[in-house]
Amino acid sequence: MIRAPRPVLRSEHGLWALERVLQHHGFPHVAGADEAGRGACAGPLVVAAVVLPAGRRGQVPGLADSKLLTAAAPEAAYDEVVGRALAWSVVVVPPREVDRAGLHVMNVQAMRQAVERLDPCPSYVLTDGFAIPGMPAPTLAVWKGDRVAACVAAASVVAKVTRDRLMVALHERWPAYDFARHKGYSTAEHMAALAEHGPCPEHRFSYVNVRASLTRQDQPA
């Protein structure tokens, strides 16, 4: 397998430095992959993959780790990313699949699927945090990749906005849990609603706090 150089980067090099180095060494289409909803106990896991074009068109304004953006900024960044990207894809993993196979297994599988769906096929892939075996191109796992690589930051934005929109839609169906506010994460308000109403089909029943709420529901008043 062809291996790209692994340069030492500093934060002052900017979000686009790693892609530029890879492109300079013969990897023109660098994809970034990231997920949203890994830490939630309700709702889907969403994985996105993005290839940004080289040059100015790929320099998405306001691009940053989606977890650091203000509430309105991810939507604007999402529109810029999908409007500029050479390719992008999204894979949505429902809670029942997370329960069936496990979070990490589905995370890895969904990242592979998201990258495989890209057209053009990437020549190199950057992932956030951990390595993904079986990718269709050479791959580098980058610690806090959504803060140091533009394509990973772009994937982070697409995954987050896609998932947030899905959680708002789920709120309409299950308003008692206030999914639109906390997006399925284990906030105090969410845990209180879970204790009062028990889980709905959108919860991850393999998670300890969700299972605990089932136990409480079975207890006599």
N, C-alpha and C. Protein backbone atom coordinates (compact mmCIF):
# COMPACT_ATOMS: atom_id res chain seq x y z
N MET A 1 0.84 -1.20 0.00
CA MET A 1 0.00 0.00 0.00
C MET A 1 0.87 1.25 0.00
N ILE A 2 0.49 2.24 -0.82
CA ILE A 2 1.21 3.50 -0.84
C ILE A 2 0.95 4.25 0.45
N ARG A 3 2.00 4.77 1.04
CA ARG A 3 1.85 5.50 2.29
C ARG A 3 2.27 6.95 2.09
N ALA A 4 1.45 7.85 2.55
CA ALA A 4 1.77 9.27 2.47
C ALA A 4 2.65 9.65 3.65
N PRO A 5 3.39 10.74 3.52
CA PRO A 5 4.20 11.21 4.65
C PRO A 5 3.31 11.64 5.79
N ARG A 6 3.84 11.58 6.99
CA ARG A 6 3.08 12.00 8.17
C ARG A 6 3.77 13.21 8.76
N PRO A 7 3.49 14.39 8.25
CA PRO A 7 4.20 15.59 8.68
C PRO A 7 3.81 16.00 10.08
N VAL A 8 4.73 16.66 10.76
CA VAL A 8 4.43 17.26 12.06
C VAL A 8 3.79 18.61 11.79
N LEU A 9 2.56 18.79 12.28
CA LEU A 9 1.83 20.03 12.04
C LEU A 9 1.63 20.78 13.34
N ARG A 10 1.63 22.07 13.25
CA ARG A 10 1.32 22.93 14.39
C ARG A 10 0.04 23.69 14.09
N SER A 11 -0.62 24.15 15.14
CA SER A 11 -1.92 24.79 14.95
C SER A 11 -1.83 26.01 14.04
N GLU A 12 -0.68 26.70 14.04
CA GLU A 12 -0.56 27.90 13.22
C GLU A 12 -0.48 27.59 11.73
N HIS A 13 -0.31 26.30 11.39
CA HIS A 13 -0.28 25.93 9.98
C HIS A 13 -1.66 26.04 9.34
N GLY A 14 -2.70 26.04 10.13
CA GLY A 14 -4.04 26.22 9.60
C GLY A 14 -4.73 24.91 9.27
N LEU A 15 -6.05 24.99 9.09
CA LEU A 15 -6.86 23.81 8.85
C LEU A 15 -6.53 23.11 7.54
N TRP A 16 -5.99 23.81 6.56
CA TRP A 16 -5.79 23.25 5.23
C TRP A 16 -4.38 22.71 5.02
N ALA A 17 -3.52 22.80 6.02
CA ALA A 17 -2.11 22.43 5.84
C ALA A 17 -1.95 20.95 5.51
N LEU A 18 -2.64 20.08 6.22
CA LEU A 18 -2.46 18.65 6.03
C LEU A 18 -2.92 18.22 4.64
N GLU A 19 -4.07 18.73 4.19
CA GLU A 19 -4.52 18.41 2.83
C GLU A 19 -3.51 18.88 1.80
N ARG A 20 -2.95 20.07 1.99
CA ARG A 20 -1.98 20.59 1.02
C ARG A 20 -0.75 19.70 0.93
N VAL A 21 -0.27 19.23 2.08
CA VAL A 21 0.90 18.35 2.08
C VAL A 21 0.59 17.05 1.33
N LEU A 22 -0.57 16.47 1.60
CA LEU A 22 -0.95 15.23 0.93
C LEU A 22 -1.13 15.44 -0.57
N GLN A 23 -1.76 16.54 -0.96
CA GLN A 23 -1.92 16.83 -2.38
C GLN A 23 -0.58 17.03 -3.06
N HIS A 24 0.35 17.67 -2.38
CA HIS A 24 1.70 17.89 -2.92
C HIS A 24 2.41 16.56 -3.16
N HIS A 25 2.10 15.55 -2.36
CA HIS A 25 2.75 14.25 -2.49
C HIS A 25 1.92 13.27 -3.33
N GLY A 26 1.00 13.78 -4.12
CA GLY A 26 0.31 12.94 -5.09
C GLY A 26 -1.00 12.34 -4.67
N PHE A 27 -1.64 12.93 -3.66
CA PHE A 27 -2.96 12.47 -3.21
C PHE A 27 -3.96 13.61 -3.42
N PRO A 28 -4.53 13.73 -4.63
CA PRO A 28 -5.31 14.92 -4.96
C PRO A 28 -6.64 15.04 -4.23
N HIS A 29 -7.29 13.91 -3.96
CA HIS A 29 -8.62 13.94 -3.34
C HIS A 29 -8.54 13.39 -1.92
N VAL A 30 -8.45 14.29 -0.96
CA VAL A 30 -8.32 13.90 0.45
C VAL A 30 -9.69 13.99 1.11
N ALA A 31 -10.16 12.88 1.63
CA ALA A 31 -11.46 12.84 2.30
C ALA A 31 -11.28 12.93 3.81
N GLY A 32 -12.22 13.57 4.45
CA GLY A 32 -12.31 13.57 5.90
C GLY A 32 -13.56 12.84 6.33
N ALA A 33 -13.49 12.10 7.43
CA ALA A 33 -14.66 11.38 7.94
C ALA A 33 -14.80 11.63 9.43
N ASP A 34 -16.02 11.85 9.87
CA ASP A 34 -16.29 12.09 11.29
C ASP A 34 -17.73 11.72 11.59
N GLU A 35 -18.04 11.59 12.88
CA GLU A 35 -19.38 11.19 13.28
C GLU A 35 -19.98 12.19 14.25
N ALA A 36 -21.30 12.08 14.41
CA ALA A 36 -22.03 12.84 15.43
C ALA A 36 -22.97 11.88 16.14
N GLY A 37 -23.12 12.09 17.44
CA GLY A 37 -24.05 11.27 18.22
C GLY A 37 -23.44 10.07 18.88
N ARG A 38 -22.12 9.99 18.87
CA ARG A 38 -21.47 8.84 19.51
C ARG A 38 -21.77 8.80 21.02
N GLY A 39 -21.83 9.96 21.65
CA GLY A 39 -22.03 10.01 23.09
C GLY A 39 -23.47 10.12 23.53
N ALA A 40 -24.41 10.10 22.60
CA ALA A 40 -25.83 10.23 22.95
C ALA A 40 -26.40 8.88 23.37
N CYS A 41 -27.47 8.92 24.15
CA CYS A 41 -28.15 7.68 24.52
C CYS A 41 -29.47 7.51 23.78
N ALA A 42 -29.77 8.45 22.89
CA ALA A 42 -30.97 8.36 22.06
C ALA A 42 -30.67 8.94 20.69
N GLY A 43 -31.39 8.44 19.69
CA GLY A 43 -31.19 8.94 18.34
C GLY A 43 -30.11 8.19 17.60
N PRO A 44 -29.96 8.49 16.31
CA PRO A 44 -29.02 7.75 15.48
C PRO A 44 -27.58 8.20 15.67
N LEU A 45 -26.67 7.35 15.24
CA LEU A 45 -25.28 7.73 15.01
C LEU A 45 -25.20 8.15 13.55
N VAL A 46 -24.63 9.31 13.29
CA VAL A 46 -24.53 9.82 11.93
C VAL A 46 -23.06 10.02 11.57
N VAL A 47 -22.66 9.45 10.44
CA VAL A 47 -21.28 9.56 9.96
C VAL A 47 -21.30 10.26 8.61
N ALA A 48 -20.38 11.20 8.42
CA ALA A 48 -20.25 11.91 7.15
C ALA A 48 -18.83 11.81 6.64
N ALA A 49 -18.69 11.86 5.32
CA ALA A 49 -17.39 11.92 4.67
C ALA A 49 -17.44 13.04 3.64
N VAL A 50 -16.36 13.81 3.54
CA VAL A 50 -16.33 14.98 2.66
C VAL A 50 -14.98 15.07 1.96
N VAL A 51 -15.00 15.38 0.67
CA VAL A 51 -13.80 15.75 -0.08
C VAL A 51 -13.96 17.20 -0.50
N LEU A 52 -13.07 18.06 -0.01
CA LEU A 52 -13.09 19.47 -0.41
C LEU A 52 -12.15 19.68 -1.59
N PRO A 53 -12.49 20.61 -2.49
CA PRO A 53 -11.58 20.89 -3.61
C PRO A 53 -10.33 21.62 -3.15
N ALA A 54 -9.27 21.50 -3.92
CA ALA A 54 -8.05 22.23 -3.62
C ALA A 54 -8.25 23.71 -3.95
N GLY A 55 -7.41 24.55 -3.39
CA GLY A 55 -7.46 25.97 -3.69
C GLY A 55 -8.50 26.73 -2.90
N ARG A 56 -8.80 27.92 -3.38
CA ARG A 56 -9.69 28.82 -2.63
C ARG A 56 -11.09 28.27 -2.47
N ARG A 57 -11.57 27.53 -3.47
CA ARG A 57 -12.94 27.03 -3.37
C ARG A 57 -13.10 26.09 -2.19
N GLY A 58 -12.04 25.40 -1.82
CA GLY A 58 -12.12 24.48 -0.70
C GLY A 58 -11.95 25.13 0.65
N GLN A 59 -11.65 26.42 0.66
CA GLN A 59 -11.45 27.13 1.93
C GLN A 59 -12.80 27.65 2.44
N VAL A 60 -13.53 26.78 3.06
CA VAL A 60 -14.88 27.08 3.53
C VAL A 60 -14.81 28.12 4.64
N PRO A 61 -15.49 29.26 4.48
CA PRO A 61 -15.44 30.28 5.53
C PRO A 61 -16.12 29.82 6.81
N GLY A 62 -15.50 30.15 7.94
CA GLY A 62 -16.08 29.82 9.23
C GLY A 62 -16.00 28.36 9.61
N LEU A 63 -15.19 27.58 8.87
CA LEU A 63 -15.11 26.15 9.16
C LEU A 63 -14.31 25.91 10.43
N ALA A 64 -14.90 25.16 11.34
CA ALA A 64 -14.23 24.81 12.59
C ALA A 64 -14.88 23.56 13.11
N ASP A 65 -14.30 22.96 14.12
CA ASP A 65 -14.91 21.81 14.77
C ASP A 65 -16.36 22.16 15.13
N SER A 66 -17.31 21.34 14.67
CA SER A 66 -18.72 21.65 14.87
C SER A 66 -19.10 21.77 16.33
N LYS A 67 -18.35 21.14 17.22
CA LYS A 67 -18.65 21.23 18.65
C LYS A 67 -18.28 22.59 19.22
N LEU A 68 -17.44 23.35 18.49
CA LEU A 68 -16.99 24.65 18.98
C LEU A 68 -17.77 25.80 18.36
N LEU A 69 -18.59 25.52 17.35
CA LEU A 69 -19.33 26.58 16.68
C LEU A 69 -20.52 27.02 17.53
N THR A 70 -20.94 28.28 17.34
CA THR A 70 -22.14 28.77 18.01
C THR A 70 -23.36 28.07 17.42
N ALA A 71 -24.51 28.25 18.06
CA ALA A 71 -25.69 27.47 17.71
C ALA A 71 -26.09 27.62 16.24
N ALA A 72 -26.02 28.84 15.68
CA ALA A 72 -26.47 29.07 14.31
C ALA A 72 -25.39 28.78 13.28
N ALA A 73 -24.13 28.80 13.68
CA ALA A 73 -23.03 28.70 12.73
C ALA A 73 -22.97 27.37 11.98
N PRO A 74 -23.26 26.22 12.61
CA PRO A 74 -23.17 24.97 11.85
C PRO A 74 -24.07 24.93 10.62
N GLU A 75 -25.27 25.49 10.68
CA GLU A 75 -26.16 25.49 9.53
C GLU A 75 -25.54 26.25 8.36
N ALA A 76 -24.96 27.42 8.64
CA ALA A 76 -24.32 28.20 7.58
C ALA A 76 -23.11 27.46 7.03
N ALA A 77 -22.32 26.85 7.92
CA ALA A 77 -21.15 26.09 7.49
C ALA A 77 -21.58 24.88 6.66
N TYR A 78 -22.67 24.24 7.05
CA TYR A 78 -23.19 23.09 6.29
C TYR A 78 -23.49 23.48 4.85
N ASP A 79 -24.20 24.60 4.67
CA ASP A 79 -24.54 25.04 3.32
C ASP A 79 -23.29 25.31 2.50
N GLU A 80 -22.27 25.89 3.12
CA GLU A 80 -21.01 26.16 2.41
C GLU A 80 -20.31 24.86 2.04
N VAL A 81 -20.28 23.92 2.95
CA VAL A 81 -19.58 22.65 2.69
C VAL A 81 -20.23 21.89 1.54
N VAL A 82 -21.55 21.68 1.61
CA VAL A 82 -22.20 20.87 0.57
C VAL A 82 -22.22 21.61 -0.77
N GLY A 83 -22.15 22.95 -0.72
CA GLY A 83 -22.10 23.71 -1.95
C GLY A 83 -20.74 23.70 -2.62
N ARG A 84 -19.68 23.51 -1.84
CA ARG A 84 -18.32 23.56 -2.36
C ARG A 84 -17.68 22.19 -2.55
N ALA A 85 -18.15 21.19 -1.85
CA ALA A 85 -17.47 19.89 -1.82
C ALA A 85 -17.42 19.23 -3.19
N LEU A 86 -16.29 18.56 -3.46
CA LEU A 86 -16.22 17.70 -4.65
C LEU A 86 -17.12 16.49 -4.48
N ALA A 87 -17.21 16.01 -3.25
CA ALA A 87 -18.07 14.86 -2.93
C ALA A 87 -18.37 14.87 -1.44
N TRP A 88 -19.56 14.40 -1.09
CA TRP A 88 -19.90 14.22 0.32
C TRP A 88 -20.96 13.14 0.44
N SER A 89 -20.98 12.49 1.57
CA SER A 89 -21.95 11.43 1.81
C SER A 89 -22.27 11.35 3.29
N VAL A 90 -23.41 10.75 3.59
CA VAL A 90 -23.87 10.60 4.97
C VAL A 90 -24.41 9.18 5.16
N VAL A 91 -24.07 8.58 6.29
CA VAL A 91 -24.63 7.28 6.68
C VAL A 91 -25.31 7.46 8.04
N VAL A 92 -26.56 7.04 8.13
CA VAL A 92 -27.33 7.15 9.37
C VAL A 92 -27.51 5.74 9.95
N VAL A 93 -27.06 5.57 11.19
CA VAL A 93 -27.16 4.28 11.87
C VAL A 93 -28.24 4.39 12.94
N PRO A 94 -29.37 3.70 12.80
CA PRO A 94 -30.45 3.82 13.79
C PRO A 94 -30.07 3.18 15.12
N PRO A 95 -30.74 3.58 16.19
CA PRO A 95 -30.42 3.05 17.53
C PRO A 95 -30.44 1.53 17.61
N ARG A 96 -31.38 0.90 16.93
CA ARG A 96 -31.48 -0.57 17.01
C ARG A 96 -30.22 -1.25 16.46
N GLU A 97 -29.56 -0.61 15.47
CA GLU A 97 -28.33 -1.18 14.93
C GLU A 97 -27.17 -0.98 15.90
N VAL A 98 -27.17 0.16 16.59
CA VAL A 98 -26.17 0.38 17.64
C VAL A 98 -26.33 -0.67 18.73
N ASP A 99 -27.58 -0.94 19.12
CA ASP A 99 -27.84 -1.96 20.14
C ASP A 99 -27.46 -3.35 19.67
N ARG A 100 -27.70 -3.63 18.41
CA ARG A 100 -27.46 -4.98 17.88
C ARG A 100 -25.97 -5.31 17.81
N ALA A 101 -25.18 -4.40 17.26
CA ALA A 101 -23.78 -4.71 16.97
C ALA A 101 -22.79 -4.01 17.88
N GLY A 102 -23.23 -2.96 18.56
CA GLY A 102 -22.33 -2.18 19.40
C GLY A 102 -21.94 -0.88 18.72
N LEU A 103 -21.71 0.13 19.53
CA LEU A 103 -21.45 1.47 19.02
C LEU A 103 -20.19 1.52 18.16
N HIS A 104 -19.08 1.02 18.67
CA HIS A 104 -17.82 1.15 17.93
C HIS A 104 -17.85 0.36 16.63
N VAL A 105 -18.42 -0.84 16.67
CA VAL A 105 -18.51 -1.64 15.45
C VAL A 105 -19.30 -0.90 14.38
N MET A 106 -20.43 -0.32 14.75
CA MET A 106 -21.24 0.40 13.77
C MET A 106 -20.58 1.70 13.34
N ASN A 107 -19.84 2.34 14.24
CA ASN A 107 -19.12 3.56 13.89
C ASN A 107 -18.09 3.26 12.79
N VAL A 108 -17.30 2.21 12.99
CA VAL A 108 -16.29 1.83 12.00
C VAL A 108 -16.94 1.44 10.68
N GLN A 109 -17.99 0.64 10.74
CA GLN A 109 -18.67 0.20 9.53
C GLN A 109 -19.26 1.38 8.77
N ALA A 110 -19.88 2.31 9.48
CA ALA A 110 -20.49 3.47 8.83
C ALA A 110 -19.44 4.38 8.21
N MET A 111 -18.28 4.52 8.85
CA MET A 111 -17.22 5.33 8.26
C MET A 111 -16.74 4.73 6.95
N ARG A 112 -16.57 3.42 6.92
CA ARG A 112 -16.19 2.77 5.66
C ARG A 112 -17.24 3.00 4.59
N GLN A 113 -18.51 2.84 4.95
CA GLN A 113 -19.58 3.02 3.98
C GLN A 113 -19.62 4.45 3.46
N ALA A 114 -19.46 5.42 4.35
CA ALA A 114 -19.50 6.82 3.93
C ALA A 114 -18.39 7.12 2.94
N VAL A 115 -17.19 6.61 3.20
CA VAL A 115 -16.06 6.86 2.29
C VAL A 115 -16.27 6.12 0.97
N GLU A 116 -16.77 4.90 1.03
CA GLU A 116 -16.99 4.12 -0.19
C GLU A 116 -18.03 4.76 -1.11
N ARG A 117 -18.92 5.55 -0.56
CA ARG A 117 -19.97 6.20 -1.36
C ARG A 117 -19.48 7.46 -2.08
N LEU A 118 -18.30 7.93 -1.75
CA LEU A 118 -17.80 9.17 -2.35
C LEU A 118 -17.46 8.96 -3.82
N ASP A 119 -17.79 9.94 -4.64
CA ASP A 119 -17.45 9.95 -6.05
C ASP A 119 -17.07 11.38 -6.45
N PRO A 120 -15.79 11.64 -6.71
CA PRO A 120 -14.72 10.67 -6.97
C PRO A 120 -14.23 9.96 -5.72
N CYS A 121 -13.70 8.76 -5.94
CA CYS A 121 -13.14 7.98 -4.83
C CYS A 121 -11.93 8.72 -4.28
N PRO A 122 -11.82 8.88 -2.98
CA PRO A 122 -10.68 9.61 -2.42
C PRO A 122 -9.37 8.85 -2.61
N SER A 123 -8.29 9.62 -2.72
CA SER A 123 -6.96 9.01 -2.82
C SER A 123 -6.32 8.87 -1.44
N TYR A 124 -6.87 9.56 -0.45
CA TYR A 124 -6.38 9.45 0.93
C TYR A 124 -7.53 9.82 1.85
N VAL A 125 -7.55 9.23 3.05
CA VAL A 125 -8.64 9.47 4.00
C VAL A 125 -8.06 9.86 5.35
N LEU A 126 -8.61 10.93 5.92
CA LEU A 126 -8.28 11.35 7.28
C LEU A 126 -9.49 11.09 8.16
N THR A 127 -9.28 10.42 9.27
CA THR A 127 -10.37 10.15 10.21
C THR A 127 -10.08 10.83 11.54
N ASP A 128 -11.14 11.07 12.28
CA ASP A 128 -11.00 11.76 13.56
C ASP A 128 -10.82 10.76 14.69
N GLY A 129 -9.64 10.75 15.28
CA GLY A 129 -9.47 10.02 16.53
C GLY A 129 -8.91 8.62 16.44
N PHE A 130 -9.56 7.74 15.67
CA PHE A 130 -9.11 6.35 15.67
C PHE A 130 -9.07 5.80 14.25
N ALA A 131 -8.21 4.80 14.07
CA ALA A 131 -8.00 4.22 12.75
C ALA A 131 -9.21 3.38 12.32
N ILE A 132 -9.47 3.36 11.02
CA ILE A 132 -10.57 2.59 10.45
C ILE A 132 -9.98 1.57 9.48
N PRO A 133 -9.98 0.29 9.82
CA PRO A 133 -9.45 -0.72 8.90
C PRO A 133 -10.37 -0.93 7.71
N GLY A 134 -9.80 -1.39 6.60
CA GLY A 134 -10.60 -1.75 5.44
C GLY A 134 -11.05 -0.59 4.58
N MET A 135 -10.43 0.56 4.71
CA MET A 135 -10.77 1.71 3.87
C MET A 135 -10.30 1.47 2.43
N PRO A 136 -10.96 2.10 1.44
CA PRO A 136 -10.57 1.91 0.04
C PRO A 136 -9.36 2.74 -0.37
N ALA A 137 -8.74 3.45 0.56
CA ALA A 137 -7.59 4.29 0.27
C ALA A 137 -6.71 4.35 1.51
N PRO A 138 -5.45 4.76 1.37
CA PRO A 138 -4.60 4.94 2.56
C PRO A 138 -5.28 5.87 3.56
N THR A 139 -5.09 5.59 4.83
CA THR A 139 -5.83 6.30 5.88
C THR A 139 -4.91 6.71 7.01
N LEU A 140 -5.18 7.89 7.55
CA LEU A 140 -4.46 8.37 8.72
C LEU A 140 -5.46 8.83 9.77
N ALA A 141 -5.37 8.29 10.98
CA ALA A 141 -6.19 8.76 12.09
C ALA A 141 -5.51 9.96 12.72
N VAL A 142 -6.26 11.04 12.88
CA VAL A 142 -5.71 12.30 13.39
C VAL A 142 -6.39 12.64 14.71
N TRP A 143 -5.61 12.77 15.76
CA TRP A 143 -6.17 13.14 17.06
C TRP A 143 -6.76 14.54 16.98
N LYS A 144 -8.03 14.67 17.40
CA LYS A 144 -8.77 15.93 17.28
C LYS A 144 -8.71 16.43 15.84
N GLY A 145 -8.95 15.51 14.91
CA GLY A 145 -8.85 15.83 13.49
C GLY A 145 -9.77 16.93 13.04
N ASP A 146 -10.93 17.08 13.71
CA ASP A 146 -11.86 18.14 13.32
C ASP A 146 -11.36 19.52 13.71
N ARG A 147 -10.21 19.60 14.40
CA ARG A 147 -9.63 20.90 14.73
C ARG A 147 -8.36 21.19 13.95
N VAL A 148 -7.86 20.18 13.22
CA VAL A 148 -6.59 20.40 12.51
C VAL A 148 -6.66 20.09 11.02
N ALA A 149 -7.74 19.50 10.53
CA ALA A 149 -7.86 19.17 9.11
C ALA A 149 -9.20 19.64 8.59
N ALA A 150 -9.18 20.42 7.52
CA ALA A 150 -10.40 21.03 6.99
C ALA A 150 -11.42 20.00 6.56
N CYS A 151 -10.97 18.93 5.89
CA CYS A 151 -11.93 17.94 5.40
C CYS A 151 -12.61 17.20 6.55
N VAL A 152 -11.89 16.98 7.65
CA VAL A 152 -12.51 16.34 8.82
C VAL A 152 -13.48 17.31 9.50
N ALA A 153 -13.08 18.59 9.59
CA ALA A 153 -13.98 19.60 10.15
C ALA A 153 -15.25 19.71 9.32
N ALA A 154 -15.10 19.63 7.99
CA ALA A 154 -16.27 19.68 7.11
C ALA A 154 -17.18 18.48 7.34
N ALA A 155 -16.59 17.30 7.49
CA ALA A 155 -17.39 16.10 7.77
C ALA A 155 -18.09 16.21 9.12
N SER A 156 -17.41 16.81 10.10
CA SER A 156 -17.99 17.01 11.42
C SER A 156 -19.23 17.88 11.34
N VAL A 157 -19.16 18.95 10.56
CA VAL A 157 -20.29 19.86 10.39
C VAL A 157 -21.46 19.15 9.72
N VAL A 158 -21.18 18.42 8.63
CA VAL A 158 -22.25 17.72 7.91
C VAL A 158 -22.91 16.68 8.81
N ALA A 159 -22.11 15.94 9.56
CA ALA A 159 -22.68 14.92 10.46
C ALA A 159 -23.53 15.56 11.54
N LYS A 160 -23.03 16.63 12.15
CA LYS A 160 -23.75 17.28 13.25
C LYS A 160 -25.08 17.88 12.77
N VAL A 161 -25.04 18.62 11.68
CA VAL A 161 -26.26 19.28 11.21
C VAL A 161 -27.29 18.25 10.77
N THR A 162 -26.83 17.22 10.07
CA THR A 162 -27.75 16.15 9.66
C THR A 162 -28.42 15.52 10.88
N ARG A 163 -27.61 15.21 11.88
CA ARG A 163 -28.16 14.56 13.07
C ARG A 163 -29.08 15.52 13.85
N ASP A 164 -28.68 16.77 14.00
CA ASP A 164 -29.52 17.73 14.70
C ASP A 164 -30.89 17.84 14.05
N ARG A 165 -30.93 17.86 12.72
CA ARG A 165 -32.20 17.95 12.01
C ARG A 165 -33.05 16.70 12.27
N LEU A 166 -32.41 15.55 12.29
CA LEU A 166 -33.14 14.32 12.59
C LEU A 166 -33.71 14.33 14.00
N MET A 167 -32.94 14.87 14.95
CA MET A 167 -33.41 14.91 16.33
C MET A 167 -34.57 15.89 16.50
N VAL A 168 -34.55 16.98 15.76
CA VAL A 168 -35.69 17.92 15.78
C VAL A 168 -36.94 17.22 15.25
N ALA A 169 -36.78 16.43 14.19
CA ALA A 169 -37.92 15.68 13.65
C ALA A 169 -38.42 14.64 14.66
N LEU A 170 -37.50 14.00 15.37
CA LEU A 170 -37.91 13.02 16.39
C LEU A 170 -38.63 13.69 17.55
N HIS A 171 -38.28 14.93 17.83
CA HIS A 171 -38.97 15.69 18.88
C HIS A 171 -40.45 15.83 18.56
N GLU A 172 -40.77 16.01 17.29
CA GLU A 172 -42.17 16.15 16.90
C GLU A 172 -42.95 14.86 17.20
N ARG A 173 -42.26 13.74 17.09
CA ARG A 173 -42.92 12.45 17.33
C ARG A 173 -42.94 12.08 18.80
N TRP A 174 -41.88 12.47 19.52
CA TRP A 174 -41.75 12.12 20.94
C TRP A 174 -41.47 13.38 21.77
N PRO A 175 -42.43 14.29 21.87
CA PRO A 175 -42.17 15.59 22.51
C PRO A 175 -41.84 15.51 23.99
N ALA A 176 -42.22 14.45 24.65
CA ALA A 176 -41.99 14.36 26.10
C ALA A 176 -40.51 14.37 26.46
N TYR A 177 -39.65 14.00 25.51
CA TYR A 177 -38.22 13.89 25.82
C TYR A 177 -37.42 15.14 25.45
N ASP A 178 -38.04 16.07 24.73
CA ASP A 178 -37.37 17.32 24.35
C ASP A 178 -36.09 17.08 23.55
N PHE A 179 -36.17 16.15 22.60
CA PHE A 179 -35.00 15.84 21.77
C PHE A 179 -34.45 17.05 21.02
N ALA A 180 -35.32 18.00 20.68
CA ALA A 180 -34.87 19.17 19.93
C ALA A 180 -33.88 20.00 20.73
N ARG A 181 -33.97 19.93 22.06
CA ARG A 181 -33.09 20.73 22.91
C ARG A 181 -31.75 20.04 23.15
N HIS A 182 -31.79 18.80 23.60
CA HIS A 182 -30.53 18.14 24.02
C HIS A 182 -29.99 17.15 23.00
N LYS A 183 -30.74 16.91 21.92
CA LYS A 183 -30.29 16.05 20.81
C LYS A 183 -29.97 14.62 21.24
N GLY A 184 -30.59 14.17 22.31
CA GLY A 184 -30.42 12.78 22.73
C GLY A 184 -29.28 12.53 23.68
N TYR A 185 -28.56 13.59 24.07
CA TYR A 185 -27.46 13.43 25.03
C TYR A 185 -28.02 13.36 26.46
N SER A 186 -27.20 12.88 27.37
CA SER A 186 -27.66 12.57 28.73
C SER A 186 -27.64 13.79 29.64
N THR A 187 -28.42 14.80 29.30
CA THR A 187 -28.55 15.97 30.16
C THR A 187 -29.44 15.64 31.34
N ALA A 188 -29.43 16.51 32.34
CA ALA A 188 -30.28 16.29 33.51
C ALA A 188 -31.76 16.26 33.11
N GLU A 189 -32.15 17.15 32.20
CA GLU A 189 -33.54 17.20 31.76
C GLU A 189 -33.93 15.91 31.03
N HIS A 190 -33.02 15.42 30.19
CA HIS A 190 -33.31 14.19 29.46
C HIS A 190 -33.44 13.00 30.42
N MET A 191 -32.55 12.93 31.40
CA MET A 191 -32.60 11.83 32.36
C MET A 191 -33.87 11.88 33.20
N ALA A 192 -34.33 13.10 33.51
CA ALA A 192 -35.57 13.23 34.26
C ALA A 192 -36.76 12.74 33.43
N ALA A 193 -36.78 13.09 32.14
CA ALA A 193 -37.86 12.63 31.27
C ALA A 193 -37.80 11.11 31.08
N LEU A 194 -36.59 10.58 30.99
CA LEU A 194 -36.43 9.14 30.85
C LEU A 194 -36.94 8.41 32.09
N ALA A 195 -36.65 8.98 33.26
CA ALA A 195 -37.13 8.37 34.51
C ALA A 195 -38.65 8.43 34.61
N GLU A 196 -39.23 9.51 34.12
CA GLU A 196 -40.69 9.68 34.23
C GLU A 196 -41.45 8.83 33.22
N HIS A 197 -40.97 8.82 31.97
CA HIS A 197 -41.73 8.20 30.89
C HIS A 197 -41.18 6.85 30.44
N GLY A 198 -39.97 6.51 30.88
CA GLY A 198 -39.33 5.33 30.33
C GLY A 198 -38.82 5.61 28.92
N PRO A 199 -38.09 4.69 28.33
CA PRO A 199 -37.52 4.93 27.00
C PRO A 199 -38.55 4.78 25.89
N CYS A 200 -38.28 5.45 24.78
CA CYS A 200 -39.06 5.29 23.56
C CYS A 200 -38.22 4.47 22.57
N PRO A 201 -38.76 4.09 21.41
CA PRO A 201 -37.99 3.28 20.46
C PRO A 201 -36.73 3.96 19.93
N GLU A 202 -36.60 5.27 20.11
CA GLU A 202 -35.41 5.96 19.63
C GLU A 202 -34.27 5.96 20.64
N HIS A 203 -34.47 5.39 21.81
CA HIS A 203 -33.39 5.27 22.78
C HIS A 203 -32.53 4.05 22.48
N ARG A 204 -31.30 4.09 22.98
CA ARG A 204 -30.35 2.99 22.80
C ARG A 204 -30.44 2.08 24.04
N PHE A 205 -31.12 0.98 23.88
CA PHE A 205 -31.41 0.12 25.02
C PHE A 205 -30.18 -0.62 25.55
N SER A 206 -29.10 -0.61 24.81
CA SER A 206 -27.87 -1.23 25.29
C SER A 206 -27.11 -0.32 26.25
N TYR A 207 -27.55 0.93 26.41
CA TYR A 207 -26.88 1.88 27.28
C TYR A 207 -27.37 1.71 28.72
N VAL A 208 -26.46 1.84 29.65
CA VAL A 208 -26.77 1.58 31.06
C VAL A 208 -27.89 2.47 31.57
N ASN A 209 -27.84 3.77 31.26
CA ASN A 209 -28.85 4.67 31.80
C ASN A 209 -30.24 4.39 31.22
N VAL A 210 -30.29 3.92 29.99
CA VAL A 210 -31.59 3.56 29.40
C VAL A 210 -32.11 2.28 30.03
N ARG A 211 -31.25 1.29 30.20
CA ARG A 211 -31.67 0.05 30.86
C ARG A 211 -32.13 0.31 32.30
N ALA A 212 -31.44 1.23 32.98
CA ALA A 212 -31.82 1.55 34.36
C ALA A 212 -33.22 2.14 34.41
N SER A 213 -33.58 2.94 33.41
CA SER A 213 -34.92 3.53 33.41
C SER A 213 -35.98 2.45 33.20
N LEU A 214 -35.66 1.41 32.45
CA LEU A 214 -36.59 0.29 32.30
C LEU A 214 -36.82 -0.40 33.63
N THR A 215 -35.76 -0.59 34.39
CA THR A 215 -35.87 -1.22 35.70
C THR A 215 -36.75 -0.41 36.63
N ARG A 216 -36.56 0.91 36.60
CA ARG A 216 -37.38 1.78 37.46
C ARG A 216 -38.84 1.73 37.07
N GLN A 217 -39.10 1.65 35.75
CA GLN A 217 -40.48 1.60 35.29
C GLN A 217 -41.18 0.32 35.75
N ASP A 218 -40.41 -0.75 35.93
CA ASP A 218 -40.99 -2.03 36.35
C ASP A 218 -41.31 -2.07 37.84
N GLN A 219 -40.73 -1.14 38.60
CA GLN A 219 -40.94 -1.15 40.04
C GLN A 219 -42.32 -0.60 40.39
N PRO A 220 -42.97 -1.13 41.42
CA PRO A 220 -44.29 -0.62 41.81
C PRO A 220 -44.18 0.79 42.37
N ALA A 221 -45.22 1.57 42.16
CA ALA A 221 -45.22 2.95 42.65
C ALA A 221 -45.31 2.96 44.17
